[in-house]
């Protein structure tokens, strides 16, 4: 039977307290508790280690804001009040990525007001800034770069986007920055300027993932909007790629710590393994795996088979229905725990040197700061 100690234990407090660590990136498949984990770690960094911390979430759900006692989160960091930082001297701020607002801010920072107004009015820009495949991931990187450049935070905790694949967080910014390369777009537009049909054919073939808004703009109108978009943003295209590359280098630096977050389910663990392999290839610092929602029986030495056998014996003599139900429930939980350990072993056998911590499944969703403290303490093994 696989052991819970198959991988070295993860010391999260050591990471959070290290002044050399300025960015913690929580990544993994969707629905595994990344947002809650990111918020819990940020809270602990502020309360226990006295760090001025900001948590950037990409999750549009309002539960994080509610759990932190905020009425809402937006694209600007908001300080979380009422947390226990009197002794530590730390601070906690929280924000939620607004994809379009971040794109707008980039435009405003690199153009004059008149040019910015022209860009904002362009239908191609309106669709791209809201729905282009990869824009959310790119803008998450853009916002991370902005926060890092400001130098106001001891620690930035990032909750990566809920993507089809966790790898999108690494891949999409590069894809989008390549698309936004001025030379490429000018090349695409060349046939249209000469009256050829090849641009139209290429546009309709390549932009299939655009939103319905863009799909409705066909033919001459699409080319007009695209041409105007290129002309208006021409001076900015190189900056998109440059900033993406700068942030990518930050993610490779020692000041960044990647934490994989997974649940003990085959798809989530497989996704975590893919991501771990990619981080290793890209020489990005993977510091550990947080295995969420792990089930543990109250009496681990009593296995499922023995528990079911005892339930059968008691049922045969009668009068012990309550005990029988408890034994059967324990057997079911014990079987689930064995399955989860077997699933987790698929990761630890492939990456035996990656430190791991298991977090016991909570009886209810996290709705407040106390719940976040409970999660943080469990991750920190304290």
Protein backbone atom coordinates (compact mmCIF):
# COMPACT_ATOMS: atom_id res chain seq x y z
CA UNK A 1 0.00 0.00 0.00
CA UNK A 2 1.46 3.42 -0.89
CA UNK A 3 2.58 5.50 2.06
CA UNK A 4 1.59 9.08 2.79
CA UNK A 5 5.33 9.69 3.29
CA UNK A 6 6.35 8.56 -0.19
CA UNK A 7 7.41 12.13 -1.00
CA UNK A 8 9.39 14.54 1.21
CA UNK A 9 7.13 16.80 3.32
CA UNK A 10 6.46 20.30 2.03
CA UNK A 11 7.42 23.14 4.40
CA UNK A 12 5.13 25.93 3.24
CA UNK A 13 6.02 28.24 6.14
CA UNK A 14 9.66 28.19 5.08
CA UNK A 15 8.62 29.36 1.61
CA UNK A 16 6.26 32.07 2.86
CA UNK A 17 8.79 33.43 5.36
CA UNK A 18 11.71 33.55 2.91
CA UNK A 19 12.33 37.20 1.94
CA UNK A 20 13.96 35.95 -1.25
CA UNK A 21 10.62 34.52 -2.42
CA UNK A 22 8.54 37.36 -3.86
CA UNK A 23 6.05 35.42 -6.01
CA UNK A 24 4.09 32.25 -5.28
CA UNK A 25 2.14 30.85 -8.24
CA UNK A 26 -0.62 28.34 -7.47
CA UNK A 27 -1.34 26.27 -10.54
CA UNK A 28 -3.21 23.12 -11.52
CA UNK A 29 -6.44 21.96 -13.12
CA UNK A 30 -9.75 23.73 -12.55
CA UNK A 31 -11.87 22.87 -9.53
CA UNK A 32 -9.07 21.63 -7.26
CA UNK A 33 -9.07 24.51 -4.78
CA UNK A 34 -6.44 26.83 -6.28
CA UNK A 35 -8.30 30.01 -5.34
CA UNK A 36 -8.84 28.97 -1.73
CA UNK A 37 -5.25 27.74 -1.44
CA UNK A 38 -3.86 31.01 -2.84
CA UNK A 39 -5.97 33.10 -0.45
CA UNK A 40 -5.06 30.91 2.54
CA UNK A 41 -1.34 31.16 1.80
CA UNK A 42 -1.53 34.94 1.33
CA UNK A 43 -3.38 35.28 4.64
CA UNK A 44 -0.77 33.19 6.46
CA UNK A 45 2.10 35.15 4.92
CA UNK A 46 0.58 38.38 6.26
CA UNK A 47 -0.53 37.13 9.68
CA UNK A 48 2.27 34.73 10.61
CA UNK A 49 5.26 36.07 8.73
CA UNK A 50 4.63 39.83 8.64
CA UNK A 51 4.81 40.19 4.89
CA UNK A 52 3.02 42.85 2.85
CA UNK A 53 1.12 40.48 0.60
CA UNK A 54 -1.24 40.78 -2.35
CA UNK A 55 -3.25 37.87 -3.74
CA UNK A 56 -4.27 38.06 -7.40
CA UNK A 57 -7.20 35.80 -8.25
CA UNK A 58 -8.50 35.02 -11.72
CA UNK A 59 -11.60 33.31 -10.35
CA UNK A 60 -14.75 35.33 -11.22
CA UNK A 61 -16.69 33.76 -8.32
CA UNK A 62 -17.45 36.13 -5.46
CA UNK A 63 -16.73 33.60 -2.70
CA UNK A 64 -13.12 34.76 -2.26
CA UNK A 65 -14.18 38.37 -1.70
CA UNK A 66 -16.79 37.18 0.79
CA UNK A 67 -14.35 34.95 2.64
CA UNK A 68 -11.99 37.92 3.03
CA UNK A 69 -14.76 40.19 4.27
CA UNK A 70 -14.81 42.35 1.14
CA UNK A 71 -17.95 43.36 -0.70
CA UNK A 72 -16.20 42.96 -4.04
CA UNK A 73 -12.87 42.50 -5.76
CA UNK A 74 -11.74 44.37 -8.84
CA UNK A 75 -8.63 45.18 -10.84
CA UNK A 76 -7.15 47.31 -8.05
CA UNK A 77 -5.65 45.79 -4.88
CA UNK A 78 -7.92 46.30 -1.85
CA UNK A 79 -6.64 45.96 1.68
CA UNK A 80 -8.27 43.24 3.76
CA UNK A 81 -9.24 44.61 7.17
CA UNK A 82 -9.89 42.76 10.39
CA UNK A 83 -7.16 40.15 10.08
CA UNK A 84 -4.68 39.41 12.86
CA UNK A 85 -1.54 41.30 11.87
CA UNK A 86 -0.98 43.37 15.01
CA UNK A 87 1.95 41.23 16.16
CA UNK A 88 3.43 40.47 12.74
CA UNK A 89 3.03 43.89 11.13
CA UNK A 90 1.98 42.34 7.84
CA UNK A 91 -0.70 43.44 5.40
CA UNK A 92 -3.03 41.56 3.09
CA UNK A 93 -4.43 43.00 -0.12
CA UNK A 94 -6.61 41.20 -2.67
CA UNK A 95 -7.65 41.79 -6.25
CA UNK A 96 -9.43 40.01 -9.09
CA UNK A 97 -8.12 40.21 -12.65
CA UNK A 98 -10.31 42.21 -15.00
CA UNK A 99 -9.06 41.05 -18.38
CA UNK A 100 -10.42 43.95 -20.45
CA UNK A 101 -9.53 46.61 -17.87
CA UNK A 102 -5.95 45.34 -17.77
CA UNK A 103 -5.74 45.47 -21.57
CA UNK A 104 -7.21 48.98 -21.51
CA UNK A 105 -4.65 50.06 -18.90
CA UNK A 106 -1.82 48.80 -21.13
CA UNK A 107 -3.18 50.87 -24.02
CA UNK A 108 -3.56 53.98 -21.84
CA UNK A 109 -0.01 53.60 -20.53
CA UNK A 110 1.55 53.45 -23.98
CA UNK A 111 -0.53 55.85 -26.10
CA UNK A 112 -1.94 59.35 -25.88
CA UNK A 113 -5.62 59.82 -24.93
CA UNK A 114 -6.77 60.45 -28.50
CA UNK A 115 -5.09 57.32 -29.83
CA UNK A 116 -6.42 55.30 -26.89
CA UNK A 117 -9.98 56.43 -27.64
CA UNK A 118 -9.52 55.34 -31.26
CA UNK A 119 -8.29 51.92 -30.16
CA UNK A 120 -11.12 51.45 -27.64
CA UNK A 121 -13.71 52.22 -30.32
CA UNK A 122 -12.31 49.64 -32.74
CA UNK A 123 -14.63 46.57 -32.96
CA UNK A 124 -11.68 44.24 -33.44
CA UNK A 125 -10.08 45.50 -30.23
CA UNK A 126 -13.35 45.27 -28.32
CA UNK A 127 -13.73 41.61 -29.25
CA UNK A 128 -10.08 40.73 -28.79
CA UNK A 129 -9.72 42.36 -25.37
CA UNK A 130 -12.74 40.46 -24.08
CA UNK A 131 -12.87 37.07 -25.77
CA UNK A 132 -9.69 36.21 -27.66
CA UNK A 133 -8.40 32.75 -26.74
CA UNK A 134 -5.40 33.29 -24.48
CA UNK A 135 -6.13 36.92 -23.57
CA UNK A 136 -7.00 36.07 -19.96
CA UNK A 137 -3.78 34.14 -19.45
CA UNK A 138 -1.74 36.87 -21.17
CA UNK A 139 -3.34 39.57 -19.04
CA UNK A 140 -2.72 37.55 -15.88
CA UNK A 141 0.96 37.64 -16.80
CA UNK A 142 0.70 41.34 -17.66
CA UNK A 143 -0.86 42.12 -14.28
CA UNK A 144 1.76 40.04 -12.49
CA UNK A 145 4.48 41.99 -14.30
CA UNK A 146 2.84 45.28 -13.28
CA UNK A 147 2.59 44.28 -9.61
CA UNK A 148 6.18 43.06 -9.58
CA UNK A 149 7.49 46.24 -11.23
CA UNK A 150 5.78 48.46 -8.65
CA UNK A 151 7.93 46.94 -5.89
CA UNK A 152 5.26 47.59 -3.23
CA UNK A 153 4.78 43.97 -2.16
CA UNK A 154 6.91 41.58 -0.15
CA UNK A 155 4.95 38.71 -1.67
CA UNK A 156 2.59 38.31 -4.63
CA UNK A 157 0.40 35.18 -4.61
CA UNK A 158 -1.13 34.30 -7.98
CA UNK A 159 -4.17 32.11 -8.55
CA UNK A 160 -3.82 30.97 -12.17
CA UNK A 161 -6.77 31.02 -14.60
CA UNK A 162 -9.31 28.16 -14.65
CA UNK A 163 -8.25 26.91 -18.08
CA UNK A 164 -8.97 23.77 -20.10
CA UNK A 165 -5.41 22.86 -19.31
CA UNK A 166 -3.14 24.23 -16.61
CA UNK A 167 -0.45 24.52 -19.28
CA UNK A 168 -2.42 27.34 -20.92
CA UNK A 169 -1.02 29.70 -18.29
CA UNK A 170 2.46 29.16 -19.74
CA UNK A 171 1.51 28.72 -23.39
CA UNK A 172 -1.17 31.34 -24.07
CA UNK A 173 0.93 34.47 -23.33
CA UNK A 174 3.51 33.35 -25.86
CA UNK A 175 0.78 32.60 -28.43
CA UNK A 176 -0.87 35.96 -27.94
CA UNK A 177 2.38 37.90 -27.99
CA UNK A 178 3.31 36.21 -31.27
CA UNK A 179 -0.07 37.18 -32.69
CA UNK A 180 0.43 40.75 -31.55
CA UNK A 181 3.77 41.00 -33.31
CA UNK A 182 3.38 43.90 -35.74
CA UNK A 183 5.38 42.24 -38.53
CA UNK A 184 3.13 39.18 -38.54
CA UNK A 185 -0.08 41.16 -38.69
CA UNK A 186 1.26 43.40 -41.43
CA UNK A 187 2.17 40.29 -43.40
CA UNK A 188 -1.36 38.96 -42.99
CA UNK A 189 -2.79 42.25 -44.16
CA UNK A 190 -0.59 42.58 -47.26
CA UNK A 191 -2.83 40.53 -49.61
CA UNK A 192 -5.89 42.49 -48.53
CA UNK A 193 -4.19 45.77 -49.32
CA UNK A 194 -3.49 44.52 -52.80
CA UNK A 195 -7.07 43.43 -53.31
CA UNK A 196 -6.36 39.68 -53.07
CA UNK A 197 -8.64 37.12 -51.45
CA UNK A 198 -5.96 35.21 -49.56
CA UNK A 199 -6.21 37.41 -46.48
CA UNK A 200 -9.94 36.84 -46.21
CA UNK A 201 -9.46 33.10 -46.52
CA UNK A 202 -6.69 33.11 -43.94
CA UNK A 203 -8.67 35.25 -41.52
CA UNK A 204 -11.72 33.01 -41.64
CA UNK A 205 -9.56 29.91 -41.21
CA UNK A 206 -7.31 31.20 -38.44
CA UNK A 207 -9.75 33.15 -36.29
CA UNK A 208 -12.25 30.37 -35.70
CA UNK A 209 -11.81 30.67 -31.94
CA UNK A 210 -12.89 34.31 -31.85
CA UNK A 211 -16.09 35.20 -30.14
CA UNK A 212 -19.38 35.47 -32.01
CA UNK A 213 -18.85 39.22 -31.99
CA UNK A 214 -15.86 38.91 -34.33
CA UNK A 215 -17.39 36.07 -36.34
CA UNK A 216 -20.28 38.37 -37.30
CA UNK A 217 -17.85 40.87 -38.79
CA UNK A 218 -16.98 39.40 -42.17
CA UNK A 219 -15.36 40.41 -45.41
CA UNK A 220 -14.46 44.01 -46.04
CA UNK A 221 -15.64 45.19 -42.64
CA UNK A 222 -13.41 42.70 -40.83
CA UNK A 223 -10.42 43.75 -42.89
CA UNK A 224 -11.19 47.41 -42.25
CA UNK A 225 -11.41 46.87 -38.51
CA UNK A 226 -8.29 44.73 -38.45
CA UNK A 227 -6.35 47.24 -40.53
CA UNK A 228 -7.42 50.03 -38.19
CA UNK A 229 -6.46 47.93 -35.19
CA UNK A 230 -2.98 47.32 -36.62
CA UNK A 231 -2.47 50.97 -37.51
CA UNK A 232 -3.61 52.19 -34.09
CA UNK A 233 -1.53 49.75 -32.05
CA UNK A 234 1.46 49.64 -34.38
CA UNK A 235 3.83 51.27 -31.89
CA UNK A 236 2.73 48.93 -29.08
CA UNK A 237 3.16 45.50 -30.67
CA UNK A 238 6.81 45.07 -29.72
CA UNK A 239 6.00 46.02 -26.15
CA UNK A 240 3.51 43.17 -25.78
CA UNK A 241 6.13 40.60 -26.65
CA UNK A 242 8.86 42.28 -24.62
CA UNK A 243 6.74 42.40 -21.46
CA UNK A 244 5.64 38.78 -21.90
CA UNK A 245 9.28 37.73 -22.19
CA UNK A 246 10.26 39.80 -19.14
CA UNK A 247 7.53 38.22 -17.01
CA UNK A 248 8.51 34.78 -18.30
CA UNK A 249 12.05 35.40 -17.05
CA UNK A 250 10.67 36.47 -13.67
CA UNK A 251 8.82 33.14 -13.49
CA UNK A 252 12.13 31.36 -14.05
CA UNK A 253 13.92 33.32 -11.33
CA UNK A 254 14.67 32.12 -7.80
CA UNK A 255 12.30 34.73 -6.39
CA UNK A 256 9.36 32.73 -7.81
CA UNK A 257 7.93 29.55 -6.27
CA UNK A 258 5.44 27.39 -8.18
CA UNK A 259 3.03 25.37 -6.06
CA UNK A 260 1.01 22.69 -7.81
CA UNK A 261 -2.49 22.22 -6.43
CA UNK A 262 -4.39 19.00 -7.14
CA UNK A 263 -7.15 16.82 -5.76
CA UNK A 264 -6.63 13.04 -5.41
CA UNK A 265 -8.46 12.38 -8.67
CA UNK A 266 -6.93 10.86 -11.83
CA UNK A 267 -7.47 13.85 -14.13
CA UNK A 268 -6.23 16.41 -11.59
CA UNK A 269 -3.11 14.40 -10.72
CA UNK A 270 -2.39 13.76 -14.40
CA UNK A 271 -2.66 17.50 -15.05
CA UNK A 272 -0.32 18.22 -12.15
CA UNK A 273 2.21 15.76 -13.57
CA UNK A 274 2.02 17.41 -17.01
CA UNK A 275 2.60 20.80 -15.42
CA UNK A 276 5.48 19.54 -13.29
CA UNK A 277 7.16 18.16 -16.40
CA UNK A 278 6.69 21.43 -18.24
CA UNK A 279 8.07 23.48 -15.35
CA UNK A 280 11.12 21.21 -15.29
CA UNK A 281 11.63 21.72 -19.04
CA UNK A 282 11.29 25.49 -18.71
CA UNK A 283 13.61 25.57 -15.67
CA UNK A 284 10.92 27.14 -13.52
CA UNK A 285 11.16 26.61 -9.74
CA UNK A 286 8.61 23.99 -8.63
CA UNK A 287 8.65 23.92 -4.81
CA UNK A 288 5.89 21.44 -4.03
CA UNK A 289 2.49 19.83 -4.44
CA UNK A 290 -0.56 20.62 -2.31
CA UNK A 291 -2.92 17.64 -2.48
CA UNK A 292 -6.34 18.97 -1.48
CA UNK A 293 -9.51 17.22 -0.27
CA UNK A 294 -7.82 14.06 0.95
CA UNK A 295 -10.01 11.66 2.93
CA UNK A 296 -8.67 9.97 6.05
CA UNK A 297 -10.60 7.49 8.22
CA UNK A 298 -10.73 8.21 11.94
CA UNK A 299 -9.22 4.78 12.70
CA UNK A 300 -6.67 4.24 9.91
CA UNK A 301 -5.45 0.91 11.33
CA UNK A 302 -8.92 -0.61 10.78
CA UNK A 303 -9.03 -1.57 7.09
CA UNK A 304 -12.17 -1.83 4.97
CA UNK A 305 -12.25 -5.62 4.83
CA UNK A 306 -12.05 -6.02 8.61
CA UNK A 307 -14.64 -3.31 9.13
CA UNK A 308 -17.13 -4.94 6.76
CA UNK A 309 -16.57 -8.36 8.33
CA UNK A 310 -17.30 -6.93 11.79
CA UNK A 311 -20.45 -5.27 10.47
CA UNK A 312 -21.63 -8.60 9.02
CA UNK A 313 -21.07 -10.39 12.34
CA UNK A 314 -22.95 -7.75 14.31
CA UNK A 315 -25.82 -7.76 11.83
CA UNK A 316 -26.12 -11.54 12.17
CA UNK A 317 -26.67 -11.31 15.93
CA UNK A 318 -29.02 -8.31 15.63
CA UNK A 319 -29.55 -5.26 17.82
CA UNK A 320 -26.48 -3.32 16.73
CA UNK A 321 -27.75 -1.40 13.72
CA UNK A 322 -26.13 1.87 14.72
CA UNK A 323 -22.73 0.25 15.09
CA UNK A 324 -23.21 -1.64 11.83
CA UNK A 325 -23.85 1.62 9.97
CA UNK A 326 -20.75 3.22 11.50
CA UNK A 327 -18.58 0.23 10.50
CA UNK A 328 -19.92 0.27 6.93
CA UNK A 329 -19.37 4.02 6.63
CA UNK A 330 -15.83 3.56 7.91
CA UNK A 331 -15.22 0.79 5.35
CA UNK A 332 -16.37 3.04 2.51
CA UNK A 333 -14.12 5.87 3.70
CA UNK A 334 -11.15 3.51 4.14
CA UNK A 335 -11.59 2.24 0.57
CA UNK A 336 -11.73 5.81 -0.72
CA UNK A 337 -8.56 6.67 1.18
CA UNK A 338 -6.74 3.73 -0.41
CA UNK A 339 -7.87 4.78 -3.90
CA UNK A 340 -6.73 8.35 -3.29
CA UNK A 341 -3.29 7.22 -2.10
CA UNK A 342 -2.94 5.07 -5.19
CA UNK A 343 -3.85 8.02 -7.43
CA UNK A 344 -1.43 10.34 -5.62
CA UNK A 345 1.34 7.77 -5.98
CA UNK A 346 1.21 8.24 -9.76
CA UNK A 347 2.62 11.73 -9.20
CA UNK A 348 5.07 10.96 -6.41
CA UNK A 349 6.59 8.03 -8.30
CA UNK A 350 7.22 10.21 -11.34
CA UNK A 351 8.46 13.20 -9.29
CA UNK A 352 9.84 11.66 -6.08
CA UNK A 353 11.84 14.78 -5.18
CA UNK A 354 8.86 17.17 -5.22
CA UNK A 355 7.82 17.92 -1.61
CA UNK A 356 4.15 17.17 -0.92
CA UNK A 357 1.55 18.03 1.68
CA UNK A 358 -1.92 16.50 1.94
CA UNK A 359 -4.85 18.60 3.14
CA UNK A 360 -7.77 16.75 4.69
CA UNK A 361 -11.17 17.34 3.04
CA UNK A 362 -13.16 19.96 4.92
CA UNK A 363 -16.77 19.34 6.00
CA UNK A 364 -17.93 22.54 4.27
CA UNK A 365 -16.73 25.14 1.76
CA UNK A 366 -14.63 28.01 3.06
CA UNK A 367 -16.75 31.12 3.63
CA UNK A 368 -14.68 33.30 5.98
CA UNK A 369 -11.23 34.20 7.22
CA UNK A 370 -11.35 31.55 9.94
CA UNK A 371 -11.91 28.93 7.25
CA UNK A 372 -8.90 30.25 5.32
CA UNK A 373 -6.81 30.05 8.50
CA UNK A 374 -7.83 26.42 8.93
CA UNK A 375 -6.76 25.61 5.36
CA UNK A 376 -3.48 27.53 5.79
CA UNK A 377 -2.68 25.70 9.01
CA UNK A 378 -3.38 22.34 7.33
CA UNK A 379 -1.13 23.19 4.38
CA UNK A 380 1.56 24.34 6.79
CA UNK A 381 1.25 21.19 8.94
CA UNK A 382 0.83 23.23 12.09
